[in-house]
Amino acid sequence: MSQEVRRVPADWQHPRNSEGDFIPLYDGAKFPVHVARWDKENAKWAEGFCTDFDGGWKPLTDEQRGRTFASWDGDRPDQKNYMPLWPDEQRTHLVLYETITEGTPVSPVLSTDEELARWLADNIVTGQPVSYEQWLSMVEEK
């Protein structure tokens, strides 16, 4: 399972859909990066180029010509698909998120590294036991 610790306000409640399931959200800090990448690649697409995934550009293929960048790569990132960007002084608590999708919480909102590590060790969230010390090491790396 891919995961990351995200800092949130003490009263953060991750949004849910009408069925009560968490709505996946990307980390809000990544929104500007994702928009900048999309805008850059969209502009190059308009010039007839796409990324070669090695950091360079190559001409569009026959399959790509005549299509919009959005039809190829997806729509431009939308802020509603990202967590809010709270000021640092409000981000006092921690939540472990899975990141296989955009991100949904795995743990409750907890106030310290130690509390989060203890909760994770006591609630097997990876399919196999992970010690408190291992979780604490991972959480402190955030």
Foldseek 3Di string as FASTA:
>chain_A
DAKDKDFAFPPDDADADPVRHGQAAAALVCLVVQLVVLVVQQVVVVVQWHDPVPPDIDGDDPVSPPDHVCVVPNDRDDSVRHDDDDPPVRRQWIFMWHPPDSTDTPDDTGRDLQVVLVVCQVPPRPPDHDHSVRSSVRSVVD
